[in-house]
Amino acid sequence: MGSKLFVGGLSWDTDDAGLRAAFAPFGEIVEAKVVTDRDTGRSRGFGFVSYSDPSSAAEAMSKMNGQMLDGRNLKVDMAADRPSGGRGGGGRGGGGYGGGGRDRY
């Protein structure tokens, strides 16, 4: 079990400090981060909380899931590991005209 939680359903008003304060009673927090839009700087409505101890993360998940924070019900779950190897994007297309295999001149 990991020690990083996904926290969804955040209010637009919740910031890093508020997220940290809400999850602090369950153990030592390594990082609490509200994800923001890169262009506007506005919250995207979710964030992550990382604990130094996996048992603290498990307790926080069980006790904070469904609780209210800044007027919103939280959805708390273990964060999925990001796939390694860059930013993703899928496979590369074959290019060409896309004409079903026929050459067009």
N, C-alpha and C. Protein backbone atom coordinates (compact mmCIF):
# COMPACT_ATOMS: atom_id res chain seq x y z
N MET A 1 0.85 -1.18 0.00
CA MET A 1 0.00 0.00 0.00
C MET A 1 0.89 1.24 0.00
N GLY A 2 0.50 2.24 -0.79
CA GLY A 2 1.29 3.46 -0.90
C GLY A 2 0.99 4.45 0.22
N SER A 3 1.65 5.57 0.12
CA SER A 3 1.44 6.60 1.13
C SER A 3 0.98 7.91 0.50
N LYS A 4 0.52 7.85 -0.76
CA LYS A 4 0.04 9.04 -1.44
C LYS A 4 -1.45 8.89 -1.73
N LEU A 5 -2.22 9.91 -1.33
CA LEU A 5 -3.66 9.89 -1.51
C LEU A 5 -4.10 10.85 -2.60
N PHE A 6 -5.09 10.44 -3.35
CA PHE A 6 -5.80 11.32 -4.27
C PHE A 6 -6.99 11.89 -3.51
N VAL A 7 -7.17 13.19 -3.58
CA VAL A 7 -8.30 13.84 -2.91
C VAL A 7 -9.10 14.59 -3.96
N GLY A 8 -10.30 14.11 -4.26
CA GLY A 8 -11.16 14.73 -5.24
C GLY A 8 -12.32 15.45 -4.59
N GLY A 9 -13.01 16.27 -5.38
CA GLY A 9 -14.16 17.00 -4.89
C GLY A 9 -13.81 18.25 -4.10
N LEU A 10 -12.60 18.76 -4.30
CA LEU A 10 -12.18 19.94 -3.55
C LEU A 10 -12.91 21.19 -4.03
N SER A 11 -13.17 22.07 -3.08
CA SER A 11 -13.74 23.37 -3.39
C SER A 11 -12.71 24.20 -4.14
N TRP A 12 -13.18 25.15 -4.97
CA TRP A 12 -12.26 26.05 -5.67
C TRP A 12 -11.47 26.88 -4.65
N ASP A 13 -12.00 27.02 -3.43
CA ASP A 13 -11.36 27.85 -2.40
C ASP A 13 -10.30 27.11 -1.60
N THR A 14 -10.24 25.80 -1.70
CA THR A 14 -9.26 25.03 -0.93
C THR A 14 -7.87 25.20 -1.54
N ASP A 15 -6.90 25.56 -0.69
CA ASP A 15 -5.52 25.71 -1.16
C ASP A 15 -4.63 24.66 -0.50
N ASP A 16 -3.34 24.70 -0.80
CA ASP A 16 -2.39 23.71 -0.24
C ASP A 16 -2.43 23.69 1.28
N ALA A 17 -2.45 24.88 1.89
CA ALA A 17 -2.43 24.96 3.35
C ALA A 17 -3.70 24.38 3.97
N GLY A 18 -4.84 24.65 3.35
CA GLY A 18 -6.10 24.11 3.85
C GLY A 18 -6.17 22.60 3.73
N LEU A 19 -5.65 22.08 2.62
CA LEU A 19 -5.61 20.64 2.42
C LEU A 19 -4.70 19.99 3.46
N ARG A 20 -3.54 20.58 3.68
CA ARG A 20 -2.61 20.07 4.69
C ARG A 20 -3.24 20.07 6.08
N ALA A 21 -3.89 21.16 6.44
CA ALA A 21 -4.50 21.27 7.77
C ALA A 21 -5.58 20.22 7.98
N ALA A 22 -6.36 19.94 6.94
CA ALA A 22 -7.44 18.96 7.07
C ALA A 22 -6.91 17.54 7.27
N PHE A 23 -5.76 17.23 6.67
CA PHE A 23 -5.22 15.87 6.73
C PHE A 23 -4.13 15.69 7.78
N ALA A 24 -3.68 16.76 8.40
CA ALA A 24 -2.60 16.71 9.39
C ALA A 24 -2.88 15.83 10.61
N PRO A 25 -4.11 15.73 11.10
CA PRO A 25 -4.33 14.92 12.31
C PRO A 25 -3.99 13.43 12.17
N PHE A 26 -3.76 12.96 10.95
CA PHE A 26 -3.57 11.52 10.74
C PHE A 26 -2.11 11.10 10.65
N GLY A 27 -1.17 12.05 10.64
CA GLY A 27 0.23 11.68 10.59
C GLY A 27 1.08 12.75 9.93
N GLU A 28 2.36 12.44 9.80
CA GLU A 28 3.31 13.39 9.22
C GLU A 28 3.12 13.47 7.71
N ILE A 29 2.80 14.67 7.25
CA ILE A 29 2.57 14.90 5.83
C ILE A 29 3.87 15.34 5.17
N VAL A 30 4.21 14.67 4.08
CA VAL A 30 5.39 15.01 3.29
C VAL A 30 5.04 16.15 2.34
N GLU A 31 3.86 16.05 1.70
CA GLU A 31 3.43 17.08 0.76
C GLU A 31 1.91 17.07 0.66
N ALA A 32 1.33 18.27 0.57
CA ALA A 32 -0.10 18.43 0.29
C ALA A 32 -0.20 19.44 -0.84
N LYS A 33 -0.77 19.02 -1.96
CA LYS A 33 -0.76 19.85 -3.16
C LYS A 33 -2.12 19.83 -3.84
N VAL A 34 -2.71 21.03 -4.00
CA VAL A 34 -3.92 21.18 -4.80
C VAL A 34 -3.47 21.42 -6.23
N VAL A 35 -3.99 20.64 -7.17
CA VAL A 35 -3.60 20.77 -8.57
C VAL A 35 -4.35 21.97 -9.17
N THR A 36 -3.59 22.84 -9.84
CA THR A 36 -4.17 24.04 -10.43
C THR A 36 -4.00 24.03 -11.94
N ASP A 37 -4.87 24.76 -12.61
CA ASP A 37 -4.77 24.92 -14.05
C ASP A 37 -3.54 25.76 -14.36
N ARG A 38 -2.76 25.32 -15.31
CA ARG A 38 -1.50 25.99 -15.60
C ARG A 38 -1.72 27.39 -16.19
N ASP A 39 -2.82 27.59 -16.90
CA ASP A 39 -3.07 28.88 -17.53
C ASP A 39 -3.74 29.88 -16.61
N THR A 40 -4.75 29.42 -15.85
CA THR A 40 -5.52 30.34 -15.02
C THR A 40 -5.07 30.37 -13.57
N GLY A 41 -4.38 29.32 -13.11
CA GLY A 41 -3.98 29.23 -11.71
C GLY A 41 -5.11 28.80 -10.79
N ARG A 42 -6.28 28.54 -11.34
CA ARG A 42 -7.44 28.13 -10.55
C ARG A 42 -7.36 26.64 -10.23
N SER A 43 -7.87 26.27 -9.06
CA SER A 43 -7.91 24.87 -8.66
C SER A 43 -8.65 24.04 -9.69
N ARG A 44 -8.17 22.83 -9.91
CA ARG A 44 -8.86 21.90 -10.81
C ARG A 44 -9.79 20.97 -10.03
N GLY A 45 -9.92 21.19 -8.71
CA GLY A 45 -10.88 20.44 -7.91
C GLY A 45 -10.35 19.15 -7.33
N PHE A 46 -9.04 18.92 -7.44
CA PHE A 46 -8.47 17.73 -6.83
C PHE A 46 -7.03 18.03 -6.40
N GLY A 47 -6.50 17.13 -5.59
CA GLY A 47 -5.13 17.28 -5.12
C GLY A 47 -4.59 15.98 -4.59
N PHE A 48 -3.40 16.07 -4.01
CA PHE A 48 -2.73 14.89 -3.49
C PHE A 48 -2.14 15.19 -2.12
N VAL A 49 -2.19 14.20 -1.23
CA VAL A 49 -1.57 14.31 0.09
C VAL A 49 -0.66 13.10 0.25
N SER A 50 0.61 13.34 0.55
CA SER A 50 1.58 12.26 0.75
C SER A 50 1.99 12.22 2.22
N TYR A 51 1.98 11.02 2.76
CA TYR A 51 2.38 10.80 4.15
C TYR A 51 3.73 10.08 4.19
N SER A 52 4.43 10.25 5.30
CA SER A 52 5.70 9.54 5.47
C SER A 52 5.47 8.07 5.80
N ASP A 53 4.27 7.73 6.28
CA ASP A 53 3.97 6.37 6.71
C ASP A 53 2.70 5.87 6.02
N PRO A 54 2.75 4.72 5.36
CA PRO A 54 1.56 4.19 4.69
C PRO A 54 0.37 3.96 5.61
N SER A 55 0.60 3.64 6.87
CA SER A 55 -0.53 3.42 7.78
C SER A 55 -1.26 4.73 8.07
N SER A 56 -0.54 5.85 8.08
CA SER A 56 -1.19 7.15 8.25
C SER A 56 -2.07 7.46 7.04
N ALA A 57 -1.58 7.14 5.85
CA ALA A 57 -2.37 7.36 4.63
C ALA A 57 -3.64 6.51 4.66
N ALA A 58 -3.53 5.27 5.08
CA ALA A 58 -4.69 4.39 5.14
C ALA A 58 -5.73 4.91 6.12
N GLU A 59 -5.28 5.39 7.27
CA GLU A 59 -6.21 5.94 8.27
C GLU A 59 -6.88 7.20 7.74
N ALA A 60 -6.09 8.09 7.12
CA ALA A 60 -6.66 9.32 6.57
C ALA A 60 -7.68 9.01 5.49
N MET A 61 -7.38 8.04 4.64
CA MET A 61 -8.31 7.66 3.57
C MET A 61 -9.62 7.18 4.16
N SER A 62 -9.57 6.30 5.14
CA SER A 62 -10.80 5.74 5.70
C SER A 62 -11.61 6.78 6.47
N LYS A 63 -10.94 7.73 7.09
CA LYS A 63 -11.67 8.71 7.92
C LYS A 63 -12.07 9.97 7.15
N MET A 64 -11.37 10.31 6.08
CA MET A 64 -11.68 11.55 5.35
C MET A 64 -12.57 11.33 4.13
N ASN A 65 -12.65 10.11 3.62
CA ASN A 65 -13.49 9.85 2.47
C ASN A 65 -14.95 10.16 2.82
N GLY A 66 -15.58 11.06 2.07
CA GLY A 66 -16.97 11.43 2.32
C GLY A 66 -17.14 12.60 3.27
N GLN A 67 -16.07 13.04 3.92
CA GLN A 67 -16.16 14.17 4.85
C GLN A 67 -16.24 15.49 4.09
N MET A 68 -16.72 16.52 4.78
CA MET A 68 -16.84 17.85 4.19
C MET A 68 -15.58 18.66 4.44
N LEU A 69 -15.16 19.39 3.41
CA LEU A 69 -14.07 20.36 3.52
C LEU A 69 -14.45 21.56 2.66
N ASP A 70 -14.53 22.70 3.27
CA ASP A 70 -14.90 23.94 2.57
C ASP A 70 -16.21 23.78 1.80
N GLY A 71 -17.17 23.07 2.41
CA GLY A 71 -18.49 22.93 1.83
C GLY A 71 -18.65 21.86 0.77
N ARG A 72 -17.64 21.03 0.57
CA ARG A 72 -17.71 19.98 -0.46
C ARG A 72 -17.40 18.62 0.16
N ASN A 73 -18.06 17.57 -0.34
CA ASN A 73 -17.78 16.20 0.10
C ASN A 73 -16.54 15.70 -0.63
N LEU A 74 -15.59 15.18 0.14
CA LEU A 74 -14.34 14.70 -0.43
C LEU A 74 -14.46 13.26 -0.91
N LYS A 75 -13.72 12.96 -1.95
CA LYS A 75 -13.53 11.57 -2.42
C LYS A 75 -12.04 11.29 -2.24
N VAL A 76 -11.71 10.40 -1.32
CA VAL A 76 -10.31 10.12 -1.01
C VAL A 76 -10.01 8.66 -1.34
N ASP A 77 -8.92 8.47 -2.08
CA ASP A 77 -8.51 7.13 -2.49
C ASP A 77 -6.99 7.10 -2.60
N MET A 78 -6.43 5.91 -2.69
CA MET A 78 -5.00 5.81 -2.91
C MET A 78 -4.69 6.32 -4.31
N ALA A 79 -3.63 7.09 -4.43
CA ALA A 79 -3.24 7.63 -5.73
C ALA A 79 -2.63 6.53 -6.58
N ALA A 80 -2.99 6.52 -7.84
CA ALA A 80 -2.40 5.56 -8.77
C ALA A 80 -1.02 6.07 -9.18
N ASP A 81 -0.08 5.17 -9.31
CA ASP A 81 1.26 5.56 -9.75
C ASP A 81 1.19 6.01 -11.20
N ARG A 82 1.91 7.06 -11.48
CA ARG A 82 2.00 7.55 -12.86
C ARG A 82 2.88 6.63 -13.66
N PRO A 83 2.49 6.36 -14.90
CA PRO A 83 3.37 5.54 -15.73
C PRO A 83 4.67 6.30 -16.01
N SER A 84 5.77 5.58 -16.01
CA SER A 84 7.05 6.24 -16.25
C SER A 84 7.28 6.39 -17.75
N GLY A 85 8.23 7.23 -18.10
CA GLY A 85 8.60 7.35 -19.50
C GLY A 85 7.99 8.52 -20.22
N GLY A 86 7.84 9.63 -19.55
CA GLY A 86 7.41 10.83 -20.24
C GLY A 86 5.95 11.15 -20.03
N ARG A 87 5.45 11.91 -20.96
CA ARG A 87 4.12 12.48 -20.82
C ARG A 87 3.04 11.69 -21.55
N GLY A 88 3.33 10.54 -22.06
CA GLY A 88 2.33 9.74 -22.73
C GLY A 88 2.06 10.24 -24.13
N GLY A 89 0.85 10.11 -24.58
CA GLY A 89 0.49 10.62 -25.88
C GLY A 89 0.13 9.53 -26.88
N GLY A 90 0.38 8.31 -26.57
CA GLY A 90 -0.03 7.22 -27.45
C GLY A 90 0.91 7.00 -28.62
N GLY A 91 0.47 6.14 -29.51
CA GLY A 91 1.29 5.77 -30.66
C GLY A 91 1.29 6.83 -31.74
N ARG A 92 2.18 6.70 -32.64
CA ARG A 92 2.30 7.64 -33.74
C ARG A 92 1.50 7.12 -34.93
N GLY A 93 0.84 8.01 -35.59
CA GLY A 93 0.06 7.65 -36.78
C GLY A 93 0.97 7.38 -37.96
N GLY A 94 0.43 6.80 -38.99
CA GLY A 94 1.20 6.45 -40.17
C GLY A 94 1.42 7.59 -41.15
N GLY A 95 0.74 8.71 -40.95
CA GLY A 95 0.91 9.82 -41.89
C GLY A 95 0.23 9.55 -43.20
N GLY A 96 0.64 10.27 -44.21
CA GLY A 96 0.06 10.06 -45.54
C GLY A 96 -1.29 10.72 -45.68
N TYR A 97 -2.03 10.28 -46.68
CA TYR A 97 -3.31 10.89 -47.00
C TYR A 97 -4.47 10.31 -46.21
N GLY A 98 -4.30 9.17 -45.63
CA GLY A 98 -5.40 8.55 -44.89
C GLY A 98 -6.50 8.05 -45.81
N GLY A 99 -6.13 7.70 -47.01
CA GLY A 99 -7.12 7.31 -48.01
C GLY A 99 -7.38 5.82 -48.09
N GLY A 100 -7.27 5.12 -47.01
CA GLY A 100 -7.59 3.70 -47.02
C GLY A 100 -6.59 2.86 -47.78
N GLY A 101 -5.36 3.31 -47.92
CA GLY A 101 -4.34 2.52 -48.55
C GLY A 101 -4.15 2.82 -50.02
N ARG A 102 -4.99 3.65 -50.61
CA ARG A 102 -4.84 3.99 -52.03
C ARG A 102 -4.00 5.25 -52.17
N ASP A 103 -3.14 5.25 -53.13
CA ASP A 103 -2.35 6.45 -53.42
C ASP A 103 -3.20 7.44 -54.18
N ARG A 104 -3.11 8.69 -53.79
CA ARG A 104 -3.86 9.74 -54.50
C ARG A 104 -2.88 10.77 -55.01
N TYR A 105 -2.89 10.99 -56.30
CA TYR A 105 -1.99 11.97 -56.91
C TYR A 105 -2.77 13.00 -57.69
